[in-house]
C-alpha atoms as a PDB file:
ATOM      1  CA  MET A   1     -20.290  -4.039  -9.548  1.00  0.00           C
ATOM      2  CA  PHE A   2     -21.466  -6.647 -11.962  1.00  0.00           C
ATOM      3  CA  SER A   3     -25.072  -7.896 -11.920  1.00  0.00           C
ATOM      4  CA  PRO A   4     -25.758 -11.197 -10.650  1.00  0.00           C
ATOM      5  CA  ASP A   5     -26.082 -12.552 -14.320  1.00  0.00           C
ATOM      6  CA  GLY A   6     -23.060 -10.817 -15.351  1.00  0.00           C
ATOM      7  CA  ARG A   7     -24.922  -8.925 -18.314  1.00  0.00           C
ATOM      8  CA  ALA A   8     -24.765  -5.219 -16.518  1.00  0.00           C
ATOM      9  CA  LEU A   9     -22.327  -3.124 -14.742  1.00  0.00           C
ATOM     10  CA  ALA A  10     -23.434  -0.646 -12.017  1.00  0.00           C
ATOM     11  CA  TRP A  11     -21.083   2.494 -10.811  1.00  0.00           C
ATOM     12  CA  GLY A  12     -21.679   5.004  -8.055  1.00  0.00           C
ATOM     13  CA  VAL A  13     -19.239   7.793  -8.863  1.00  0.00           C
ATOM     14  CA  GLU A  14     -17.906   8.662 -12.464  1.00  0.00           C
ATOM     15  CA  ARG A  15     -15.448  11.516 -12.904  1.00  0.00           C
ATOM     16  CA  ASP A  16     -15.830  12.775  -9.458  1.00  0.00           C
ATOM     17  CA  ARG A  17     -19.557  13.284  -9.871  1.00  0.00           C
ATOM     18  CA  PRO A  18     -21.914  11.096  -7.762  1.00  0.00           C
ATOM     19  CA  GLY A  19     -24.656   9.281  -9.448  1.00  0.00           C
ATOM     20  CA  ALA A  20     -25.495   5.544  -9.542  1.00  0.00           C
ATOM     21  CA  GLY A  21     -25.494   4.352 -13.367  1.00  0.00           C
ATOM     22  CA  LEU A  22     -25.787   1.254 -15.128  1.00  0.00           C
ATOM     23  CA  ARG A  23     -24.666  -0.229 -18.679  1.00  0.00           C
ATOM     24  CA  PRO A  24     -24.451  -3.548 -20.432  1.00  0.00           C
ATOM     25  CA  ALA A  25     -21.249  -5.421 -19.564  1.00  0.00           C
ATOM     26  CA  VAL A  26     -20.489  -5.393 -23.204  1.00  0.00           C
ATOM     27  CA  PRO A  27     -17.683  -2.805 -23.902  1.00  0.00           C
ATOM     28  CA  GLY A  28     -18.852  -0.039 -26.227  1.00  0.00           C
ATOM     29  CA  THR A  29     -22.570   0.113 -25.558  1.00  0.00           C
ATOM     30  CA  GLY A  30     -24.709   3.039 -23.762  1.00  0.00           C
ATOM     31  CA  ARG A  31     -24.812   4.211 -20.404  1.00  0.00           C
ATOM     32  CA  THR A  32     -27.927   5.012 -18.370  1.00  0.00           C
ATOM     33  CA  MET A  33     -28.283   6.886 -15.050  1.00  0.00           C
ATOM     34  CA  VAL A  34     -30.370   5.173 -12.576  1.00  0.00           C
ATOM     35  CA  SER A  35     -30.302   7.770  -9.582  1.00  0.00           C
ATOM     36  CA  VAL A  36     -31.909  11.085  -8.903  1.00  0.00           C
ATOM     37  CA  ASP A  37     -30.215  13.803  -7.318  1.00  0.00           C
ATOM     38  CA  GLY A  38     -26.660  12.028  -7.299  1.00  0.00           C
ATOM     39  CA  GLY A  39     -26.406   8.590  -5.874  1.00  0.00           C
ATOM     40  CA  THR A  40     -23.393   6.240  -4.752  1.00  0.00           C
ATOM     41  CA  GLU A  41     -22.844   2.803  -3.482  1.00  0.00           C
ATOM     42  CA  PRO A  42     -24.605   0.723  -5.892  1.00  0.00           C
ATOM     43  CA  VAL A  43     -25.594  -2.860  -4.648  1.00  0.00           C
ATOM     44  CA  TRP A  44     -27.458  -5.483  -6.694  1.00  0.00           C
ATOM     45  CA  SER A  45     -30.291  -7.552  -5.246  1.00  0.00           C
ATOM     46  CA  ARG A  46     -29.231 -11.286  -5.250  1.00  0.00           C
ATOM     47  CA  SER A  47     -32.084 -11.684  -7.889  1.00  0.00           C
ATOM     48  CA  GLY A  48     -30.451  -9.036 -10.071  1.00  0.00           C
ATOM     49  CA  THR A  49     -33.919  -7.625 -10.868  1.00  0.00           C
ATOM     50  CA  GLU A  50     -33.205  -4.347  -8.527  1.00  0.00           C
ATOM     51  CA  LEU A  51     -30.432  -1.926  -8.008  1.00  0.00           C
ATOM     52  CA  PHE A  52     -29.959  -0.392  -4.664  1.00  0.00           C
ATOM     53  CA  TYR A  53     -28.175   2.645  -3.940  1.00  0.00           C
ATOM     54  CA  ARG A  54     -27.879   5.558  -1.316  1.00  0.00           C
ATOM     55  CA  SER A  55     -28.091   9.316  -1.689  1.00  0.00           C
ATOM     56  CA  GLY A  56     -26.935  10.966   1.611  1.00  0.00           C
ATOM     57  CA  ARG A  57     -29.124   9.518   4.155  1.00  0.00           C
ATOM     58  CA  ARG A  58     -31.624   7.810   1.681  1.00  0.00           C
ATOM     59  CA  PHE A  59     -31.722   4.657   0.142  1.00  0.00           C
ATOM     60  CA  TYR A  60     -33.295   3.560  -3.091  1.00  0.00           C
ATOM     61  CA  ALA A  61     -34.415   0.782  -5.255  1.00  0.00           C
ATOM     62  CA  VAL A  62     -34.601   0.649  -9.135  1.00  0.00           C
ATOM     63  CA  PRO A  63     -36.174  -2.279 -10.665  1.00  0.00           C
ATOM     64  CA  ILE A  64     -33.791  -3.602 -13.416  1.00  0.00           C
ATOM     65  CA  GLY A  65     -34.285  -5.979 -16.334  1.00  0.00           C
ATOM     66  CA  THR A  66     -30.963  -7.444 -17.751  1.00  0.00           C
ATOM     67  CA  LYS A  67     -32.456 -10.114 -20.280  1.00  0.00           C
ATOM     68  CA  GLY A  68     -32.126  -8.731 -23.748  1.00  0.00           C
ATOM     69  CA  VAL A  69     -32.197  -5.100 -23.675  1.00  0.00           C
ATOM     70  CA  LEU A  70     -31.365  -3.500 -20.478  1.00  0.00           C
ATOM     71  CA  THR A  71     -34.253  -1.680 -19.025  1.00  0.00           C
ATOM     72  CA  THR A  72     -34.654   0.582 -15.872  1.00  0.00           C
ATOM     73  CA  GLY A  73     -37.783   1.654 -13.532  1.00  0.00           C
ATOM     74  CA  GLN A  74     -38.232   4.680 -11.459  1.00  0.00           C
ATOM     75  CA  PRO A  75     -35.960   5.116  -8.350  1.00  0.00           C
ATOM     76  CA  ALA A  76     -38.124   4.364  -5.313  1.00  0.00           C
ATOM     77  CA  LEU A  77     -37.137   5.604  -1.762  1.00  0.00           C
ATOM     78  CA  LEU A  78     -36.962   2.868   0.632  1.00  0.00           C
ATOM     79  CA  PHE A  79     -35.986   4.480   3.920  1.00  0.00           C
ATOM     80  CA  GLU A  80     -33.606   7.101   5.463  1.00  0.00           C
ATOM     81  CA  GLY A  81     -31.704   7.288   8.225  1.00  0.00           C
ATOM     82  CA  SER A  82     -28.461   8.428  10.017  1.00  0.00           C
ATOM     83  CA  PHE A  83     -25.670   6.040   8.941  1.00  0.00           C
ATOM     84  CA  ASP A  84     -22.144   6.406   8.282  1.00  0.00           C
ATOM     85  CA  LEU A  85     -21.238   7.468   4.551  1.00  0.00           C
ATOM     86  CA  GLY A  86     -19.308   4.989   2.712  1.00  0.00           C
ATOM     87  CA  SER A  87     -17.196   2.557   4.390  1.00  0.00           C
ATOM     88  CA  VAL A  88     -13.357   2.401   5.600  1.00  0.00           C
ATOM     89  CA  THR A  89     -12.447   0.784   2.221  1.00  0.00           C
ATOM     90  CA  PRO A  90     -12.842   3.095  -0.772  1.00  0.00           C
ATOM     91  CA  GLY A  91     -15.068   1.592  -3.490  1.00  0.00           C
ATOM     92  CA  ILE A  92     -16.671  -0.867  -1.016  1.00  0.00           C
ATOM     93  CA  PRO A  93     -20.446   0.259  -0.048  1.00  0.00           C
ATOM     94  CA  GLY A  94     -21.196   0.895   3.547  1.00  0.00           C
ATOM     95  CA  TYR A  95     -24.120  -1.678   3.451  1.00  0.00           C
ATOM     96  CA  ASP A  96     -25.169  -4.770   1.888  1.00  0.00           C
ATOM     97  CA  VAL A  97     -28.542  -6.601   1.132  1.00  0.00           C
ATOM     98  CA  ALA A  98     -28.942 -10.040   2.375  1.00  0.00           C
ATOM     99  CA  ALA A  99     -30.983 -12.523   0.403  1.00  0.00           C
ATOM    100  CA  ASP A 100     -34.194 -12.131   2.322  1.00  0.00           C
ATOM    101  CA  GLY A 101     -34.276  -8.317   1.786  1.00  0.00           C
ATOM    102  CA  ARG A 102     -32.574  -7.177   5.154  1.00  0.00           C
ATOM    103  CA  PHE A 103     -30.249  -4.148   4.911  1.00  0.00           C
ATOM    104  CA  ILE A 104     -27.148  -4.144   6.820  1.00  0.00           C
ATOM    105  CA  VAL A 105     -25.682  -0.708   7.024  1.00  0.00           C
ATOM    106  CA  VAL A 106     -22.501   0.445   8.809  1.00  0.00           C
ATOM    107  CA  SER A 107     -23.445   3.068  11.531  1.00  0.00           C
ATOM    108  CA  SER A 108     -20.870   4.115  14.026  1.00  0.00           C
ATOM    109  CA  ALA A 109     -23.487   4.001  16.750  1.00  0.00           C
ATOM    110  CA  ALA A 110     -24.701   0.440  16.195  1.00  0.00           C
ATOM    111  CA  LEU A 111     -24.947  -2.042  13.499  1.00  0.00           C
ATOM    112  CA  GLU A 112     -28.804  -1.729  12.307  1.00  0.00           C
ATOM    113  CA  CYS A 113     -29.987  -4.829  10.422  1.00  0.00           C
ATOM    114  CA  ARG A 114     -33.736  -4.447   9.408  1.00  0.00           C
ATOM    115  CA  ARG A 115     -35.989  -5.129   6.574  1.00  0.00           C
ATOM    116  CA  ALA A 116     -36.578  -2.120   4.320  1.00  0.00           C
ATOM    117  CA  SER A 117     -40.416  -2.025   5.097  1.00  0.00           C
ATOM    118  CA  THR A 118     -39.744  -1.826   8.920  1.00  0.00           C
ATOM    119  CA  TRP A 119     -37.861   1.692   8.828  1.00  0.00           C
END
């Protein structure tokens, strides 16, 4: 997935190994792993200043800077829960993040829609 400003590209699986990663959108430049203990389904914040990903039941946020040199912060656990892993379409995350910060997550039990701070 491209960042909102088009300067970075995030991925969730590389060579059959889970792990959220990031690289500048310019071909031939370096790559950076942003996840801990694997990670899949990267989703950008609308502002492009955070990259979200999941690792099993846990959802994380990583601060990202795409102006000039690509920079990353440390992953922070946002919440965890019993949600479906992935979506019915390969390569499409089983969740999204609204402009106001709410996470909408696929769940076979019910559609959960809450702010990360309310988990």
